[in-house]
Amino acid sequence: MEQLLSREDIEEILCNDTDNPVFKYYGLRLMSTDKHSFKEVIAISDKHNLILIKGNEDTGNEHIRERHNFWSTKKYVVPDENGGFRFQNQSRFPMGVAPIDYLKIADEIYSKENLIENNSHVMAEQFDLYIGAYLFDKTDKEKVKLLLYKGTKIVHSLFLARDSYNQKRAKKFPFARGKVEFRIKKGVEETFIPYYDVRTKLRYGISIEKYASEDIEHIYLLIFNPKDYSHNNFIKLLERKLTYFQTKKHEEVTYQFNDLSEVERYIMDIDYGIENGYLKLGEQ
């Protein structure tokens, strides 16, 4: 069940010391920790006194950061039209937008002209919706949606109307990329990129084995048995010259967020073959 602000929570926030000068200039002024309540005010905007609370996964700063920050790896699963489940495609801010920028963006969107008077959303009684344009780069403006708790300036959520800046992935790809791992396998350095299904079960993996002395790397697709999720098949995709990175962090970010849609389309073909009996698990 979602943990949104109750009427009592809202009254408590509005009665707190939100006029404290420590909040009255651009940027986050409270470095929230686990000891802070989700109702804790962490910043107030310069222009319109919009209030950003620490929040949680359902509302406020944590909600925006987990769902819409470019660098977030958290995945969301929702029911689909066939009675099953699918990954929800949350719109992401450009990679240069950090949590410190949320109120700056919200200040630009908040105006009487941007208020949607006849909002038909099922939660319209709880939130005021503002939709306006914001210039993230030097070219086109993007529509941004700002949700405030009804009749207040407390920010519930802030997100792009389109997924213009989202990580590129194969169309209708049914798996989610997990956290990139580094490990040693039989004395060989390996970079492992996992893919999970909607039940958070490991289904596929891209394994990059590095042979520094030969200046080459081998790239494999690993297939995991959907019955017990044990690794029982692999396909060699290619062999290429070793790819060098400045640091392990550079490598992690590259494989975590770069476009791997070509391999993902191949995974979809393999998965279709397994589901329809064209590819037997255990065969190479």
Protein backbone atom coordinates (compact mmCIF):
# COMPACT_ATOMS: atom_id res chain seq x y z
CA MET A 1 0.00 0.00 0.00
CA GLU A 2 1.29 3.46 -0.90
CA GLN A 3 2.55 5.61 1.94
CA LEU A 4 1.37 9.08 0.96
CA LEU A 5 0.98 12.09 3.23
CA SER A 6 -2.16 12.08 5.33
CA ARG A 7 -4.07 15.28 6.13
CA GLU A 8 -2.41 15.21 9.56
CA ASP A 9 1.03 14.84 7.96
CA ILE A 10 0.37 17.81 5.68
CA GLU A 11 -0.75 19.99 8.57
CA GLU A 12 2.36 19.01 10.54
CA ILE A 13 4.65 19.94 7.63
CA LEU A 14 2.92 23.28 7.04
CA CYS A 15 3.09 24.12 10.76
CA ASN A 16 6.81 23.39 10.98
CA ASP A 17 9.51 26.02 10.61
CA THR A 18 9.37 26.20 6.81
CA ASP A 19 10.31 29.88 6.92
CA ASN A 20 13.70 29.02 8.40
CA PRO A 21 16.35 30.94 6.36
CA VAL A 22 18.46 27.79 6.06
CA PHE A 23 16.03 26.56 3.39
CA LYS A 24 15.69 29.84 1.51
CA TYR A 25 18.31 29.53 -1.18
CA TYR A 26 18.82 27.15 -4.05
CA GLY A 27 19.74 23.57 -3.27
CA LEU A 28 19.12 20.86 -0.73
CA ARG A 29 19.73 22.18 2.78
CA LEU A 30 19.16 19.03 4.77
CA MET A 31 21.17 15.91 3.99
CA SER A 32 18.49 13.43 4.93
CA THR A 33 19.43 10.16 6.60
CA ASP A 34 17.56 7.08 7.77
CA LYS A 35 16.93 8.74 11.12
CA HIS A 36 14.84 11.46 9.50
CA SER A 37 11.10 11.01 9.07
CA PHE A 38 9.79 10.80 5.50
CA LYS A 39 7.91 14.03 6.36
CA GLU A 40 11.15 15.96 6.95
CA VAL A 41 11.49 19.15 4.85
CA ILE A 42 14.81 19.11 3.01
CA ALA A 43 14.45 22.23 0.83
CA ILE A 44 12.14 25.08 -0.17
CA SER A 45 12.27 26.62 -3.64
CA ASP A 46 13.56 30.13 -4.28
CA LYS A 47 10.73 31.57 -6.37
CA HIS A 48 7.48 30.01 -5.19
CA ASN A 49 8.28 28.46 -1.81
CA LEU A 50 7.58 24.93 -3.02
CA ILE A 51 8.31 22.41 -0.29
CA LEU A 52 10.39 19.29 -0.96
CA ILE A 53 10.21 16.60 1.72
CA LYS A 54 12.54 13.64 2.18
CA GLY A 55 9.67 11.34 1.19
CA ASN A 56 9.80 7.62 0.47
CA GLU A 57 9.37 5.36 -2.56
CA ASP A 58 5.79 6.66 -2.98
CA THR A 59 6.16 10.44 -2.58
CA GLY A 60 8.59 13.35 -2.32
CA ASN A 61 12.31 13.49 -3.07
CA GLU A 62 12.98 9.74 -2.69
CA HIS A 63 10.05 8.94 -4.98
CA ILE A 64 11.30 11.31 -7.70
CA ARG A 65 14.91 10.15 -7.37
CA GLU A 66 14.13 6.44 -7.52
CA ARG A 67 11.62 6.66 -10.37
CA HIS A 68 12.90 9.46 -12.55
CA ASN A 69 16.61 10.07 -11.96
CA PHE A 70 18.59 8.94 -15.02
CA TRP A 71 21.04 6.96 -12.89
CA SER A 72 18.44 5.03 -10.88
CA THR A 73 18.46 1.27 -11.47
CA LYS A 74 15.25 0.56 -9.58
CA LYS A 75 12.59 -1.26 -11.63
CA TYR A 76 8.82 -1.09 -11.28
CA VAL A 77 6.39 -3.87 -12.17
CA VAL A 78 2.70 -3.29 -12.96
CA PRO A 79 -0.18 -5.51 -14.17
CA ASP A 80 -0.56 -5.84 -17.93
CA GLU A 81 -3.68 -6.16 -20.07
CA ASN A 82 -3.36 -9.97 -20.23
CA GLY A 83 -3.54 -10.57 -16.50
CA GLY A 84 0.21 -10.87 -16.11
CA PHE A 85 2.86 -8.30 -15.26
CA ARG A 86 5.24 -6.02 -17.12
CA PHE A 87 7.99 -3.54 -16.36
CA GLN A 88 6.73 0.03 -16.15
CA ASN A 89 8.64 2.48 -18.31
CA GLN A 90 9.25 5.46 -16.02
CA SER A 91 10.36 8.65 -17.79
CA ARG A 92 13.85 9.76 -16.78
CA PHE A 93 15.43 13.17 -16.52
CA PRO A 94 18.57 13.86 -18.58
CA MET A 95 21.73 12.41 -17.04
CA GLY A 96 22.93 15.88 -15.97
CA VAL A 97 19.87 16.53 -13.78
CA ALA A 98 20.57 15.75 -10.12
CA PRO A 99 18.19 15.76 -7.14
CA ILE A 100 19.49 19.24 -6.30
CA ASP A 101 17.81 20.45 -9.53
CA TYR A 102 14.29 19.18 -8.80
CA LEU A 103 13.02 22.35 -7.10
CA LYS A 104 14.62 24.57 -9.74
CA ILE A 105 12.61 22.72 -12.39
CA ALA A 106 9.46 22.72 -10.26
CA ASP A 107 9.72 26.49 -9.79
CA GLU A 108 9.61 26.96 -13.57
CA ILE A 109 6.58 24.69 -13.99
CA TYR A 110 4.57 26.15 -11.10
CA SER A 111 2.27 28.87 -12.45
CA LYS A 112 -1.44 29.55 -12.68
CA GLU A 113 -1.33 29.10 -16.46
CA ASN A 114 0.08 25.58 -16.10
CA LEU A 115 -2.51 24.33 -13.61
CA ILE A 116 -4.77 21.66 -15.12
CA GLU A 117 -8.23 22.69 -13.98
CA ASN A 118 -10.18 19.62 -15.12
CA ASN A 119 -7.75 16.86 -14.32
CA SER A 120 -9.44 13.52 -15.01
CA HIS A 121 -6.86 11.39 -13.18
CA VAL A 122 -8.25 9.02 -10.55
CA MET A 123 -6.13 10.75 -7.88
CA ALA A 124 -7.13 14.28 -8.91
CA GLU A 125 -8.80 14.83 -5.54
CA GLN A 126 -5.44 14.38 -3.79
CA PHE A 127 -3.12 16.35 -6.06
CA ASP A 128 -2.93 19.53 -8.12
CA LEU A 129 -1.37 18.89 -11.52
CA TYR A 130 0.78 21.44 -13.36
CA ILE A 131 2.13 20.82 -16.86
CA GLY A 132 4.67 23.17 -18.40
CA ALA A 133 7.75 23.30 -20.62
CA TYR A 134 11.34 23.27 -19.39
CA LEU A 135 14.52 23.74 -21.42
CA PHE A 136 16.98 20.98 -20.48
CA ASP A 137 19.43 21.68 -23.28
CA LYS A 138 19.94 24.26 -26.02
CA THR A 139 17.43 22.80 -28.44
CA ASP A 140 13.88 21.75 -27.60
CA LYS A 141 11.81 22.24 -24.46
CA GLU A 142 10.25 19.20 -22.83
CA LYS A 143 6.90 18.98 -21.07
CA VAL A 144 7.23 18.37 -17.34
CA LYS A 145 4.48 17.35 -14.91
CA LEU A 146 4.48 18.67 -11.34
CA LEU A 147 2.17 17.19 -8.72
CA LEU A 148 1.53 19.04 -5.46
CA TYR A 149 -0.60 17.87 -2.57
CA LYS A 150 -4.03 19.43 -3.07
CA GLY A 151 -4.18 23.07 -2.04
CA THR A 152 -0.55 23.13 -0.82
CA LYS A 153 2.95 23.70 -2.15
CA ILE A 154 4.24 20.32 -0.97
CA VAL A 155 5.79 18.41 -3.89
CA HIS A 156 4.50 14.88 -4.42
CA SER A 157 6.20 14.16 -7.75
CA LEU A 158 7.98 15.73 -10.71
CA PHE A 159 8.63 13.98 -14.03
CA LEU A 160 8.90 14.33 -17.79
CA ALA A 161 5.76 13.74 -19.85
CA ARG A 162 7.79 11.77 -22.42
CA ASP A 163 10.61 9.25 -22.15
CA SER A 164 12.93 11.31 -24.38
CA TYR A 165 16.01 10.74 -22.22
CA ASN A 166 15.42 7.15 -21.17
CA GLN A 167 18.00 4.45 -21.59
CA LYS A 168 17.64 2.87 -25.04
CA ARG A 169 16.33 -0.67 -25.01
CA ALA A 170 14.80 -3.11 -27.48
CA LYS A 171 11.13 -2.48 -28.16
CA LYS A 172 8.83 -4.65 -26.00
CA PHE A 173 11.87 -6.14 -24.27
CA PRO A 174 10.40 -8.18 -21.37
CA PHE A 175 13.48 -8.21 -19.12
CA ALA A 176 15.24 -5.63 -16.96
CA ARG A 177 18.97 -5.04 -16.80
CA GLY A 178 20.33 -5.62 -13.32
CA LYS A 179 23.41 -4.22 -11.62
CA VAL A 180 26.67 -4.82 -13.48
CA GLU A 181 29.03 -7.12 -11.58
CA PHE A 182 32.78 -7.72 -11.72
CA ARG A 183 34.18 -11.08 -10.75
CA ILE A 184 36.98 -13.57 -11.31
CA LYS A 185 36.00 -16.86 -12.93
CA LYS A 186 38.70 -19.54 -13.10
CA GLY A 187 41.38 -16.85 -12.94
CA VAL A 188 39.79 -14.80 -15.75
CA GLU A 189 38.35 -11.31 -15.19
CA GLU A 190 34.67 -11.20 -16.06
CA THR A 191 32.16 -8.38 -16.44
CA PHE A 192 28.64 -9.71 -15.99
CA ILE A 193 25.45 -7.92 -17.08
CA PRO A 194 22.35 -9.70 -15.71
CA TYR A 195 18.79 -9.58 -17.02
CA TYR A 196 15.82 -10.36 -14.78
CA ASP A 197 12.18 -11.18 -15.47
CA VAL A 198 9.20 -9.49 -13.75
CA ARG A 199 9.47 -12.00 -10.88
CA THR A 200 13.04 -10.73 -10.29
CA LYS A 201 14.43 -14.10 -11.41
CA LEU A 202 17.71 -14.17 -13.33
CA ARG A 203 17.00 -15.27 -16.91
CA TYR A 204 19.89 -14.10 -19.10
CA GLY A 205 23.32 -12.61 -18.71
CA ILE A 206 26.01 -11.06 -20.89
CA SER A 207 29.43 -12.30 -19.84
CA ILE A 208 32.55 -10.47 -21.00
CA GLU A 209 35.68 -12.51 -20.31
CA LYS A 210 38.93 -10.54 -20.50
CA TYR A 211 42.27 -12.04 -21.58
CA ALA A 212 44.74 -9.20 -21.00
CA SER A 213 47.83 -11.14 -22.10
CA GLU A 214 46.22 -11.75 -25.51
CA ASP A 215 44.52 -8.31 -25.64
CA ILE A 216 41.16 -9.91 -26.44
CA GLU A 217 37.81 -10.45 -24.78
CA HIS A 218 35.15 -13.08 -25.39
CA ILE A 219 31.48 -12.14 -25.08
CA TYR A 220 28.89 -14.79 -24.23
CA LEU A 221 25.15 -14.87 -23.75
CA LEU A 222 24.33 -16.98 -20.71
CA ILE A 223 20.91 -18.63 -20.52
CA PHE A 224 19.39 -19.59 -17.17
CA ASN A 225 16.84 -22.36 -16.79
CA PRO A 226 13.38 -20.85 -16.07
CA LYS A 227 12.50 -23.87 -13.90
CA ASP A 228 15.29 -23.56 -11.33
CA TYR A 229 17.23 -20.54 -12.71
CA SER A 230 20.45 -22.50 -12.91
CA HIS A 231 22.90 -21.57 -15.67
CA ASN A 232 22.75 -24.39 -18.22
CA ASN A 233 23.48 -22.89 -21.61
CA PHE A 234 25.69 -20.30 -23.26
CA ILE A 235 26.18 -18.88 -26.73
CA LYS A 236 29.38 -17.17 -27.82
CA LEU A 237 28.42 -13.85 -29.39
CA LEU A 238 31.80 -12.53 -30.50
CA GLU A 239 35.50 -12.19 -29.86
CA ARG A 240 37.06 -8.73 -30.07
CA LYS A 241 40.02 -6.58 -29.08
CA LEU A 242 40.06 -5.85 -25.35
CA THR A 243 38.10 -2.72 -24.41
CA TYR A 244 39.95 -0.46 -21.98
CA PHE A 245 38.34 1.90 -19.46
CA GLN A 246 39.84 4.62 -17.25
CA THR A 247 38.45 2.99 -14.11
CA LYS A 248 36.12 0.18 -13.08
CA LYS A 249 33.50 2.84 -12.37
CA HIS A 250 33.69 4.04 -15.99
CA GLU A 251 33.21 0.46 -17.16
CA GLU A 252 30.29 -0.10 -14.77
CA VAL A 253 28.48 3.06 -15.92
CA THR A 254 29.12 2.23 -19.59
CA TYR A 255 27.58 -1.25 -19.42
CA GLN A 256 24.86 -0.23 -16.96
CA PHE A 257 23.43 2.60 -19.05
CA ASN A 258 24.65 2.31 -22.66
CA ASP A 259 22.47 1.14 -25.52
CA LEU A 260 22.56 -2.67 -25.65
CA SER A 261 19.36 -3.00 -27.68
CA GLU A 262 21.05 -5.06 -30.41
CA VAL A 263 21.94 -7.78 -27.91
CA GLU A 264 18.55 -7.39 -26.23
CA ARG A 265 16.77 -8.09 -29.52
CA TYR A 266 18.87 -11.22 -29.84
CA ILE A 267 17.85 -12.23 -26.30
CA MET A 268 14.21 -11.83 -27.32
CA ASP A 269 14.77 -14.15 -30.31
CA ILE A 270 16.46 -16.74 -28.08
CA ASP A 271 13.68 -16.48 -25.51
CA TYR A 272 11.04 -16.93 -28.21
CA GLY A 273 12.86 -20.05 -29.39
CA ILE A 274 12.97 -21.50 -25.86
CA GLU A 275 9.30 -20.72 -25.19
CA ASN A 276 8.21 -22.32 -28.45
CA GLY A 277 10.49 -25.36 -28.30
CA TYR A 278 12.89 -24.34 -31.09
CA LEU A 279 15.83 -24.17 -28.68
CA LYS A 280 16.30 -26.92 -26.12
CA LEU A 281 17.95 -25.92 -22.85
CA GLY A 282 21.17 -27.79 -22.26
CA GLU A 283 22.13 -27.67 -25.96
CA GLN A 284 24.94 -25.40 -27.18
